[in-house]
Amino acid sequence: MNYVIEMNHIRKEFPGIVANDNITLQVKKGEIHALLGENGAGKSTLMNILFGLYQPEKGEIIVRGKKEKITDPNVANRLGIGMVHQHFMLVEKFTVTENIILGSEPTMFGTVNSKKAAKEIQQISLRYGLKVDPYAKIEDISVGMQQRVEILKTLYRGADILIFDEPTAVLTPQEIQELIAIMKALVAEGKSIILITHKLKEILAVCDRCTVIRRGKGIGTVDVAETDEDKLAAMMVGREVNFKVTKAPAKPQDVVLDVKGITVKDGRGVEAVKNLSLDIKAGEIVGLAGVEGNGQTELIEAITGLRKVEAGTIQLKGQPLQNLKPREVTEAGIGHIPQDRHKHGLVLDFTIGENIVLQTYYQKPFSKNGILQYGEIYQKARHLIEDYDVRTPTELTPARALSGGNQQKAIIAREVDRSPELLIAAQPTRGLDVGAIETIHQRLVQERDKGRAVLLMSLELDEILNVSDRIAVMYEGEIVAIVDAATTNEQELGLLMAGAKKEKAGERRDS
């Protein structure tokens, strides 16, 4: 068999952990090969070895039949290997073109020939359906567009073996469909793709074969056409996974959060939330559904003190909440799993233990007379790390060294453990594997059953339908409908999210 990539018996160690333990991966030319595993299973580590960012302790890499030593990414690029990283490697102040040519600039008489580069980038983008403005600044374009820039970066350097690391973790459903089309176009051109993911639906939709890793060990490779979600999930986590959330009917009690007629502006000063009212009761989970950019983010930022409320009121159990500082909001009884874990959820250079007490470090027993009690902090951290299965060498590991999914688990542990009156979970399972998703959903239901109020914002309709009791649909800054999760479906929600009126959506659903 002619493989374009063979990674044989790879072993990689870090202090206190074996990340890859005798793993073998073989990729055929012209296929999309999935690399599937739980958070922290060793997928990104294996691909960072192939891309030259890490060196293995043992094993060999064969590229197109020839044994190679890939000492750094420049060697990988020369071998035609490109990598699209989970957290983009882009300079925000630079244009699309400047980012793509960075490190391999075409020059004319010693000066960078930007026009030539932009023309070449436009040709490549048209060829693969990667529409992007070569002169736009990175800070001004969407996450989906930024990812296209990362893909163009690899193609500009002539890559024909592409590694995609969790490419759909930050994309909207529409952008995911566009990316799948792009991947198919690349393979039709003779490229080979390795797709690191734990989204089973995407593997079944786009991949030819799938190699599964569990806790650093290779479990096996299967043909995607001959498997299904249940089998892949069991291979990945080592047990059967329940995709359906089991929960008793909600028993709503008194109103906990009462939002009345609020207006909120976005960063450009445009009204993103318009005269919106919503209440959430103790003992229920309200799902917030909507296409990204319809005001959900601004609504949550307004409730949590991250954005100014221009008009209207927000009350938590009768106490005014609007325009309080984030710490005052937290102390009033709100927990917040933020949408952007790096921007609002973690201090990446702090240890994972320090991050776990970010909301409570100044309180007893973590602080005494203004002095941090690290013994208490790390004892608490060890307990939550074990309880929420955060895969980290120790509680002293910097947060940035953990995989995205394990960073997310640490934030969830911190917020849910406090059992606040209102738990706001924005994209709580973004970047998590099916086993972790199952656990997080159970935790949200447990909070509900304790008599807490839960607001769940997610772009995954499956998650909204599965976990919520009521669903509020947002469109252009307004709530266009509130529906019962038990009696609605994806089609009705999809129509409402596109701006259809409730009656019309219901008629189409019934017909």
Protein backbone atom coordinates (compact mmCIF):
# COMPACT_ATOMS: atom_id res chain seq x y z
CA MET A 1 0.00 0.00 0.00
CA ASN A 2 1.33 3.44 -0.95
CA TYR A 3 0.81 5.87 1.90
CA VAL A 4 1.66 9.58 1.69
CA ILE A 5 2.26 9.61 5.44
CA GLU A 6 3.33 6.82 7.78
CA MET A 7 3.96 7.52 11.44
CA ASN A 8 5.16 4.26 12.96
CA HIS A 9 5.37 3.48 16.71
CA ILE A 10 5.56 7.14 17.80
CA ARG A 11 6.29 7.87 21.46
CA LYS A 12 6.27 11.35 22.97
CA GLU A 13 6.77 12.19 26.63
CA PHE A 14 6.30 15.38 28.61
CA PRO A 15 7.17 15.79 32.30
CA GLY A 16 4.83 13.47 34.19
CA ILE A 17 2.87 12.30 31.12
CA VAL A 18 3.21 10.02 28.09
CA ALA A 19 1.25 11.90 25.42
CA ASN A 20 1.79 9.38 22.59
CA ASP A 21 2.45 5.76 23.47
CA ASN A 22 3.51 3.62 20.45
CA ILE A 23 1.01 5.16 17.99
CA THR A 24 0.90 4.26 14.30
CA LEU A 25 -0.94 6.37 11.70
CA GLN A 26 -1.05 5.65 7.95
CA VAL A 27 -2.67 8.09 5.52
CA LYS A 28 -3.45 7.33 1.88
CA LYS A 29 -3.08 9.85 -0.96
CA GLY A 30 -6.31 11.71 -1.75
CA GLU A 31 -8.21 10.75 1.40
CA ILE A 32 -9.64 12.67 4.34
CA HIS A 33 -8.37 10.74 7.35
CA ALA A 34 -9.91 11.51 10.74
CA LEU A 35 -7.85 11.44 13.91
CA LEU A 36 -10.40 10.93 16.67
CA GLY A 37 -9.94 10.99 20.44
CA GLU A 38 -11.05 12.52 23.73
CA ASN A 39 -9.76 15.88 24.97
CA GLY A 40 -6.11 15.36 25.88
CA ALA A 41 -5.89 11.96 24.11
CA GLY A 42 -2.73 13.04 22.26
CA LYS A 43 -4.12 13.95 18.82
CA SER A 44 -2.63 17.45 18.55
CA THR A 45 0.68 16.21 19.99
CA LEU A 46 0.93 13.56 17.25
CA MET A 47 0.23 16.14 14.55
CA ASN A 48 2.66 18.64 16.09
CA ILE A 49 5.30 15.92 15.69
CA LEU A 50 4.38 15.48 12.02
CA PHE A 51 4.58 19.26 11.56
CA GLY A 52 7.98 19.48 13.26
CA LEU A 53 6.92 21.41 16.38
CA TYR A 54 7.84 18.45 18.64
CA GLN A 55 10.42 15.71 18.32
CA PRO A 56 9.40 12.14 19.27
CA GLU A 57 11.38 10.01 21.71
CA LYS A 58 10.82 6.94 19.51
CA GLY A 59 9.35 6.01 16.15
CA GLU A 60 9.78 6.96 12.50
CA ILE A 61 8.03 9.20 9.97
CA ILE A 62 7.84 8.19 6.31
CA VAL A 63 6.64 10.78 3.76
CA ARG A 64 5.77 9.45 0.27
CA GLY A 65 7.79 6.30 0.91
CA LYS A 66 10.94 8.06 2.17
CA LYS A 67 12.01 8.18 5.82
CA GLU A 68 12.28 11.79 7.00
CA LYS A 69 13.46 13.66 10.10
CA ILE A 70 11.16 16.66 10.51
CA THR A 71 13.12 18.94 12.82
CA ASP A 72 10.96 22.07 12.44
CA PRO A 73 7.93 23.44 10.51
CA ASN A 74 10.16 24.73 7.68
CA VAL A 75 11.18 21.12 6.96
CA ALA A 76 7.49 20.11 7.05
CA ASN A 77 6.64 22.91 4.59
CA ARG A 78 9.42 21.77 2.23
CA LEU A 79 7.92 18.27 2.35
CA GLY A 80 4.51 19.70 1.39
CA ILE A 81 2.98 19.38 4.88
CA GLY A 82 0.85 22.28 6.14
CA MET A 83 -1.05 22.69 9.42
CA VAL A 84 -4.16 24.73 10.24
CA HIS A 85 -3.95 25.14 14.02
CA GLN A 86 -6.92 25.09 16.42
CA HIS A 87 -5.96 28.52 17.80
CA PHE A 88 -5.07 30.59 14.76
CA MET A 89 -1.51 31.82 14.29
CA LEU A 90 -2.40 35.20 12.79
CA VAL A 91 -1.22 38.79 13.38
CA GLU A 92 -4.45 40.76 13.96
CA LYS A 93 -3.11 44.14 12.76
CA PHE A 94 -1.77 42.68 9.49
CA THR A 95 -3.80 42.24 6.31
CA VAL A 96 -4.80 38.82 4.93
CA THR A 97 -1.98 39.02 2.37
CA GLU A 98 0.65 40.07 4.93
CA ASN A 99 -0.31 37.10 7.14
CA ILE A 100 -0.22 34.59 4.29
CA ILE A 101 3.20 35.61 2.97
CA LEU A 102 4.79 36.10 6.41
CA GLY A 103 8.10 34.22 6.42
CA SER A 104 8.08 33.54 2.67
CA GLU A 105 7.64 37.01 1.19
CA PRO A 106 8.15 37.45 -2.58
CA THR A 107 10.62 40.29 -3.13
CA MET A 108 11.46 42.55 -6.04
CA PHE A 109 14.86 44.28 -5.78
CA GLY A 110 14.85 43.69 -2.01
CA THR A 111 11.33 45.03 -1.32
CA VAL A 112 8.26 42.92 -0.65
CA ASN A 113 6.08 42.56 -3.74
CA SER A 114 2.63 42.66 -2.08
CA LYS A 115 0.72 43.12 -5.35
CA LYS A 116 2.18 39.94 -6.83
CA ALA A 117 1.39 38.04 -3.60
CA ALA A 118 -2.19 39.37 -3.43
CA LYS A 119 -2.80 38.34 -7.05
CA GLU A 120 -1.46 34.83 -6.39
CA ILE A 121 -3.56 34.54 -3.21
CA GLN A 122 -6.67 35.60 -5.13
CA GLN A 123 -6.01 32.90 -7.76
CA ILE A 124 -5.58 30.20 -5.09
CA SER A 125 -8.69 31.36 -3.21
CA LEU A 126 -10.84 31.24 -6.37
CA ARG A 127 -9.49 27.80 -7.31
CA TYR A 128 -10.53 26.24 -3.99
CA GLY A 129 -13.64 28.31 -3.21
CA LEU A 130 -11.88 30.14 -0.34
CA LYS A 131 -13.36 33.58 -0.95
CA VAL A 132 -11.48 36.15 1.12
CA ASP A 133 -10.44 39.80 0.64
CA PRO A 134 -6.61 39.86 0.40
CA TYR A 135 -6.51 43.47 1.65
CA ALA A 136 -8.78 43.09 4.72
CA LYS A 137 -7.22 43.26 8.18
CA ILE A 138 -7.48 40.10 10.30
CA GLU A 139 -9.11 41.99 13.19
CA ASP A 140 -11.96 43.04 10.87
CA ILE A 141 -12.96 39.60 9.52
CA SER A 142 -15.01 36.75 11.01
CA VAL A 143 -13.57 33.63 12.64
CA GLY A 144 -14.64 31.57 9.61
CA MET A 145 -12.74 33.95 7.30
CA GLN A 146 -9.67 33.82 9.56
CA GLN A 147 -9.67 30.06 9.21
CA ARG A 148 -9.72 30.42 5.42
CA VAL A 149 -6.62 32.60 5.75
CA GLU A 150 -4.90 29.80 7.69
CA ILE A 151 -5.82 27.31 4.94
CA LEU A 152 -4.58 29.72 2.25
CA LYS A 153 -1.31 30.09 4.18
CA THR A 154 -0.64 26.36 3.78
CA LEU A 155 -1.70 26.29 0.09
CA TYR A 156 0.43 29.36 -0.71
CA ARG A 157 3.43 27.42 0.57
CA GLY A 158 2.58 24.51 -1.75
CA ALA A 159 1.23 22.02 0.81
CA ASP A 160 -0.48 18.91 -0.54
CA ILE A 161 -0.78 17.18 2.86
CA LEU A 162 -2.95 19.33 5.15
CA ILE A 163 -3.52 18.88 8.87
CA PHE A 164 -6.71 20.48 10.24
CA ASP A 165 -6.68 20.70 14.06
CA GLU A 166 -10.28 20.88 15.39
CA PRO A 167 -11.24 23.15 12.46
CA THR A 168 -14.96 23.39 13.28
CA ALA A 169 -14.67 24.12 17.03
CA VAL A 170 -15.24 27.87 16.54
CA LEU A 171 -17.39 27.87 13.40
CA THR A 172 -21.11 28.43 12.91
CA PRO A 173 -23.15 25.58 11.33
CA GLN A 174 -23.17 27.42 7.99
CA GLU A 175 -19.36 27.92 8.09
CA ILE A 176 -18.95 24.20 8.90
CA GLN A 177 -20.87 23.29 5.72
CA GLU A 178 -18.65 25.68 3.73
CA LEU A 179 -15.51 24.13 5.24
CA ILE A 180 -16.68 20.61 4.36
CA ALA A 181 -17.16 21.74 0.75
CA ILE A 182 -13.64 23.26 0.77
CA MET A 183 -12.11 20.03 2.11
CA LYS A 184 -13.86 17.99 -0.60
CA ALA A 185 -12.55 20.41 -3.26
CA LEU A 186 -8.99 20.08 -1.91
CA VAL A 187 -9.14 16.27 -2.00
CA ALA A 188 -10.60 16.34 -5.53
CA GLU A 189 -7.41 18.23 -6.50
CA GLY A 190 -5.28 15.34 -5.17
CA LYS A 191 -4.49 16.78 -1.72
CA SER A 192 -4.58 14.56 1.39
CA ILE A 193 -6.15 15.79 4.64
CA ILE A 194 -5.73 14.70 8.26
CA LEU A 195 -8.70 15.97 10.27
CA ILE A 196 -8.27 16.14 14.07
CA THR A 197 -11.73 16.14 15.58
CA HIS A 198 -14.13 14.63 18.07
CA LYS A 199 -17.30 15.59 16.21
CA LEU A 200 -18.65 12.25 15.06
CA LYS A 201 -21.23 13.65 12.62
CA GLU A 202 -18.50 15.47 10.70
CA ILE A 203 -16.38 12.33 10.45
CA LEU A 204 -19.34 10.41 9.01
CA ALA A 205 -20.11 13.29 6.60
CA VAL A 206 -16.66 13.87 5.13
CA CYS A 207 -14.00 11.30 6.09
CA ASP A 208 -12.83 8.11 4.35
CA ARG A 209 -11.05 6.44 7.25
CA CYS A 210 -10.65 7.15 10.96
CA THR A 211 -7.85 6.37 13.42
CA VAL A 212 -8.88 6.43 17.09
CA ILE A 213 -6.57 7.37 19.99
CA ARG A 214 -7.49 6.87 23.65
CA ARG A 215 -5.30 8.19 26.49
CA GLY A 216 -2.22 8.31 24.27
CA LYS A 217 -2.61 4.82 22.77
CA GLY A 218 -3.76 3.83 19.28
CA ILE A 219 -7.07 1.91 19.42
CA GLY A 220 -7.44 1.15 15.70
CA THR A 221 -8.31 2.43 12.22
CA VAL A 222 -11.74 1.88 10.65
CA ASP A 223 -13.41 2.58 7.30
CA VAL A 224 -15.97 5.31 7.96
CA ALA A 225 -18.50 3.75 5.54
CA GLU A 226 -18.58 0.63 7.73
CA THR A 227 -19.09 2.28 11.12
CA ASP A 228 -21.55 4.57 12.95
CA GLU A 229 -21.65 7.18 15.74
CA ASP A 230 -22.18 4.65 18.53
CA LYS A 231 -19.21 2.47 17.51
CA LEU A 232 -16.88 5.47 17.09
CA ALA A 233 -17.95 6.91 20.46
CA ALA A 234 -17.33 3.58 22.22
CA MET A 235 -13.86 3.29 20.60
CA MET A 236 -13.05 6.86 21.66
CA VAL A 237 -14.10 6.77 25.32
CA GLY A 238 -13.98 3.02 26.04
CA ARG A 239 -17.66 2.72 26.96
CA GLU A 240 -21.12 3.25 25.52
CA VAL A 241 -22.15 6.90 25.34
CA ASN A 242 -25.71 8.09 25.77
CA PHE A 243 -26.37 10.83 23.21
CA LYS A 244 -29.80 11.60 24.66
CA VAL A 245 -29.97 13.62 27.88
CA THR A 246 -32.05 11.73 30.43
CA LYS A 247 -33.98 14.13 32.61
CA ALA A 248 -37.31 14.34 34.41
CA PRO A 249 -39.74 17.09 33.38
CA ALA A 250 -38.81 20.50 34.81
CA LYS A 251 -40.53 21.83 37.93
CA PRO A 252 -40.20 25.60 37.51
CA GLN A 253 -40.58 27.71 40.65
CA ASP A 254 -40.11 31.45 41.27
CA VAL A 255 -38.53 33.78 38.72
CA VAL A 256 -34.76 34.08 39.30
CA LEU A 257 -33.72 36.26 36.34
CA ASP A 258 -36.09 38.96 35.12
CA VAL A 259 -34.95 40.95 32.07
CA LYS A 260 -37.33 43.77 31.07
CA GLY A 261 -37.05 45.85 27.89
CA ILE A 262 -33.27 46.02 27.69
CA THR A 263 -31.34 47.62 24.85
CA VAL A 264 -27.63 46.89 24.37
CA LYS A 265 -25.19 48.21 21.76
CA ASP A 266 -22.39 46.24 20.14
CA GLY A 267 -18.75 47.35 19.78
CA ARG A 268 -19.62 49.57 16.80
CA GLY A 269 -22.37 51.41 18.70
CA VAL A 270 -25.19 49.65 16.80
CA GLU A 271 -28.14 48.28 18.80
CA ALA A 272 -27.53 44.53 19.07
CA VAL A 273 -30.28 43.84 21.65
CA LYS A 274 -33.55 45.75 21.16
CA ASN A 275 -36.14 46.18 23.91
CA LEU A 276 -35.75 42.53 24.95
CA SER A 277 -37.60 40.84 27.82
CA LEU A 278 -37.00 37.35 29.21
CA ASP A 279 -37.48 35.54 32.50
CA ILE A 280 -35.87 32.35 33.80
CA LYS A 281 -37.31 30.46 36.74
CA ALA A 282 -35.63 28.35 39.40
CA GLY A 283 -35.65 24.70 38.35
CA GLU A 284 -35.59 25.19 34.57
CA ILE A 285 -33.08 25.36 31.72
CA VAL A 286 -33.85 28.02 29.11
CA GLY A 287 -32.01 27.57 25.82
CA LEU A 288 -31.02 30.63 23.79
CA ALA A 289 -31.03 29.73 20.08
CA GLY A 290 -30.09 31.86 17.11
CA VAL A 291 -27.70 32.22 14.22
CA GLU A 292 -24.45 33.78 15.45
CA GLY A 293 -24.53 37.58 15.41
CA ASN A 294 -28.18 38.07 16.37
CA GLY A 295 -27.48 39.59 19.78
CA GLN A 296 -27.05 36.49 21.97
CA THR A 297 -23.46 37.39 22.88
CA GLU A 298 -24.36 41.01 23.75
CA LEU A 299 -27.34 39.86 25.85
CA ILE A 300 -25.15 37.55 27.94
CA GLU A 301 -22.41 40.19 28.27
CA ALA A 302 -25.04 42.67 29.51
CA ILE A 303 -26.33 40.24 32.16
CA THR A 304 -22.80 39.37 33.34
CA GLY A 305 -21.55 42.97 33.58
CA LEU A 306 -19.27 42.85 30.55
CA ARG A 307 -21.35 45.28 28.48
CA LYS A 308 -23.36 48.42 29.27
CA VAL A 309 -27.17 48.29 29.34
CA GLU A 310 -28.53 51.37 27.53
CA ALA A 311 -32.16 50.97 28.67
CA GLY A 312 -34.36 48.55 30.62
CA THR A 313 -33.76 46.53 33.77
CA ILE A 314 -32.16 43.23 34.79
CA GLN A 315 -33.08 41.74 38.16
CA LEU A 316 -31.80 38.66 39.97
CA LYS A 317 -34.36 37.58 42.59
CA GLY A 318 -35.67 41.15 42.70
CA GLN A 319 -32.24 42.81 43.06
CA PRO A 320 -31.15 45.26 40.27
CA LEU A 321 -28.24 43.88 38.28
CA GLN A 322 -27.81 46.11 35.23
CA ASN A 323 -24.45 47.88 34.87
CA LEU A 324 -22.86 46.29 37.94
CA LYS A 325 -19.20 45.28 37.71
CA PRO A 326 -18.53 41.62 36.79
CA ARG A 327 -17.39 40.77 40.35
CA GLU A 328 -20.58 42.31 41.80
CA VAL A 329 -22.62 40.23 39.34
CA THR A 330 -20.74 37.09 40.41
CA GLU A 331 -21.27 37.87 44.10
CA ALA A 332 -24.98 38.50 43.49
CA GLY A 333 -25.26 34.82 42.51
CA ILE A 334 -24.44 34.38 38.83
CA GLY A 335 -22.02 31.85 37.35
CA HIS A 336 -20.73 32.40 33.80
CA ILE A 337 -19.16 29.87 31.44
CA PRO A 338 -18.06 32.39 28.77
CA GLN A 339 -18.23 31.89 25.03
CA ASP A 340 -14.57 32.83 24.52
CA ARG A 341 -12.56 30.80 27.01
CA HIS A 342 -9.27 32.57 26.29
CA LYS A 343 -10.61 36.12 26.40
CA HIS A 344 -13.02 35.88 29.34
CA GLY A 345 -12.54 32.45 30.94
CA LEU A 346 -8.87 31.96 31.80
CA VAL A 347 -5.61 33.69 32.57
CA LEU A 348 -3.52 31.47 30.33
CA ASP A 349 -0.18 32.07 32.08
CA PHE A 350 -1.63 31.23 35.52
CA THR A 351 -1.60 27.62 36.69
CA ILE A 352 -4.75 25.56 36.23
CA GLY A 353 -5.08 25.58 40.04
CA GLU A 354 -5.06 29.39 40.15
CA ASN A 355 -7.62 29.56 37.34
CA ILE A 356 -9.98 27.26 39.25
CA VAL A 357 -10.25 29.84 42.09
CA LEU A 358 -10.38 32.99 39.92
CA GLN A 359 -13.90 33.79 41.17
CA THR A 360 -13.19 33.08 44.86
CA TYR A 361 -9.43 33.58 45.49
CA TYR A 362 -10.04 36.65 47.69
CA GLN A 363 -12.44 34.78 49.99
CA LYS A 364 -11.78 32.35 52.84
CA PRO A 365 -10.21 29.78 52.93
CA PHE A 366 -8.18 30.83 49.84
CA SER A 367 -7.15 34.19 51.27
CA LYS A 368 -6.25 35.16 54.84
CA ASN A 369 -5.51 38.79 55.76
CA GLY A 370 -4.96 39.50 52.07
CA ILE A 371 -2.41 36.66 51.64
CA LEU A 372 -3.20 33.79 49.25
CA GLN A 373 -3.30 30.36 50.92
CA TYR A 374 -1.81 28.20 48.18
CA GLY A 375 -2.23 24.99 50.16
CA GLU A 376 -6.02 25.53 50.22
CA ILE A 377 -6.09 26.72 46.58
CA TYR A 378 -4.30 23.66 45.24
CA GLN A 379 -6.22 21.26 47.45
CA LYS A 380 -9.48 22.64 45.99
CA ALA A 381 -8.01 22.46 42.48
CA ARG A 382 -6.98 18.80 42.88
CA HIS A 383 -10.51 17.93 44.00
CA LEU A 384 -12.16 19.65 41.00
CA ILE A 385 -9.57 18.35 38.51
CA GLU A 386 -10.44 14.81 39.56
CA ASP A 387 -14.19 15.45 39.80
CA TYR A 388 -14.44 16.97 36.30
CA ASP A 389 -11.77 14.76 34.67
CA VAL A 390 -9.51 17.69 33.67
CA ARG A 391 -6.57 15.98 31.95
CA THR A 392 -3.51 17.83 33.24
CA PRO A 393 -0.12 16.61 34.52
CA THR A 394 -0.68 18.53 37.81
CA GLU A 395 -2.61 21.48 39.21
CA LEU A 396 0.61 23.52 38.80
CA THR A 397 0.55 23.21 34.98
CA PRO A 398 -0.03 26.56 33.18
CA ALA A 399 -3.52 26.76 31.67
CA ARG A 400 -2.12 27.43 28.18
CA ALA A 401 -0.40 23.99 28.19
CA LEU A 402 -3.74 22.14 28.34
CA SER A 403 -5.80 21.12 25.31
CA GLY A 404 -8.75 23.41 24.51
CA GLY A 405 -11.24 20.84 25.79
CA ASN A 406 -9.48 20.49 29.13
CA GLN A 407 -9.28 24.27 29.51
CA GLN A 408 -13.05 24.29 29.00
CA LYS A 409 -13.58 21.56 31.63
CA ALA A 410 -11.60 23.62 34.17
CA ILE A 411 -13.86 26.67 33.58
CA ILE A 412 -16.99 24.53 33.89
CA ALA A 413 -15.66 22.99 37.12
CA ARG A 414 -15.04 26.47 38.59
CA GLU A 415 -18.48 27.86 37.69
CA VAL A 416 -20.69 24.83 38.37
CA ASP A 417 -18.97 23.96 41.67
CA ARG A 418 -20.15 27.29 43.16
CA SER A 419 -23.76 26.25 42.35
CA PRO A 420 -24.89 29.84 41.66
CA GLU A 421 -28.55 30.95 41.66
CA LEU A 422 -28.28 31.47 37.88
CA LEU A 423 -25.76 29.57 35.77
CA ILE A 424 -25.13 31.10 32.34
CA ALA A 425 -23.52 28.54 30.03
CA ALA A 426 -22.45 30.05 26.67
CA GLN A 427 -21.26 27.38 24.25
CA PRO A 428 -20.32 25.17 27.25
CA THR A 429 -19.40 22.08 25.20
CA ARG A 430 -17.49 23.85 22.42
CA GLY A 431 -14.40 21.75 21.77
CA LEU A 432 -15.44 18.88 24.06
CA ASP A 433 -15.60 15.19 23.15
CA VAL A 434 -18.81 13.15 23.38
CA GLY A 435 -17.94 11.66 26.78
CA ALA A 436 -17.28 15.09 28.28
CA ILE A 437 -20.40 16.55 26.63
CA GLU A 438 -22.52 13.82 28.23
CA THR A 439 -21.05 14.67 31.67
CA ILE A 440 -21.53 18.46 31.26
CA HIS A 441 -25.14 18.04 30.18
CA GLN A 442 -25.76 15.89 33.27
CA ARG A 443 -24.22 18.62 35.47
CA LEU A 444 -26.50 21.29 33.98
CA VAL A 445 -29.54 19.09 34.63
CA GLN A 446 -28.32 18.43 38.21
CA GLU A 447 -28.11 22.20 38.82
CA ARG A 448 -31.65 22.58 37.48
CA ASP A 449 -32.87 19.78 39.74
CA LYS A 450 -31.28 21.54 42.75
CA GLY A 451 -33.64 24.43 42.05
CA ARG A 452 -31.13 26.60 40.19
CA ALA A 453 -31.90 28.57 37.02
CA VAL A 454 -29.82 27.79 33.92
CA LEU A 455 -29.45 29.86 30.74
CA LEU A 456 -27.85 27.80 27.95
CA MET A 457 -26.62 29.58 24.83
CA SER A 458 -25.45 27.27 22.05
CA LEU A 459 -25.10 27.28 18.27
CA GLU A 460 -25.62 23.48 18.29
CA LEU A 461 -29.33 22.88 17.77
CA ASP A 462 -28.98 19.27 18.99
CA GLU A 463 -27.69 20.58 22.31
CA ILE A 464 -30.42 23.23 22.64
CA LEU A 465 -33.17 20.67 21.93
CA ASN A 466 -31.63 17.98 24.11
CA VAL A 467 -30.88 19.98 27.26
CA SER A 468 -33.39 22.85 27.40
CA ASP A 469 -36.89 22.89 28.90
CA ARG A 470 -37.91 26.13 27.12
CA ILE A 471 -36.17 27.66 24.10
CA ALA A 472 -35.99 31.41 23.40
CA VAL A 473 -35.14 32.14 19.76
CA MET A 474 -33.28 35.37 18.96
CA TYR A 475 -33.35 37.12 15.61
CA GLU A 476 -31.89 40.57 14.92
CA GLY A 477 -31.64 41.45 18.61
CA GLU A 478 -35.16 40.40 19.59
CA ILE A 479 -36.74 37.25 20.99
CA VAL A 480 -39.08 36.18 18.19
CA ALA A 481 -40.52 33.14 19.99
CA ILE A 482 -40.31 31.06 23.14
CA VAL A 483 -41.13 27.40 22.46
CA ASP A 484 -41.36 24.22 24.49
CA ALA A 485 -38.32 22.01 23.83
CA ALA A 486 -40.44 18.84 24.07
CA THR A 487 -42.80 19.88 21.27
CA THR A 488 -40.53 21.70 18.80
CA ASN A 489 -37.96 20.36 16.32
CA GLU A 490 -34.93 21.45 14.30
CA GLN A 491 -37.03 22.54 11.34
CA GLU A 492 -39.25 24.89 13.37
CA LEU A 493 -36.23 26.31 15.23
CA GLY A 494 -34.37 26.79 11.95
CA LEU A 495 -37.28 28.76 10.47
CA LEU A 496 -37.61 30.91 13.59
CA MET A 497 -33.85 31.57 13.60
CA ALA A 498 -34.18 32.76 9.99
CA GLY A 499 -36.83 35.28 11.05
CA ALA A 500 -40.06 33.35 10.32
CA LYS A 501 -43.01 34.22 12.54
CA LYS A 502 -44.08 31.62 15.11
CA GLU A 503 -47.39 30.75 13.40
CA LYS A 504 -45.77 30.27 9.98
CA ALA A 505 -42.97 28.14 11.43
CA GLY A 506 -45.57 26.01 13.24
CA GLU A 507 -47.69 25.64 10.10
CA ARG A 508 -44.71 24.44 8.06
CA ARG A 509 -43.73 22.05 10.78
CA ASP A 510 -47.23 20.54 10.95
CA SER A 511 -47.74 20.31 7.19
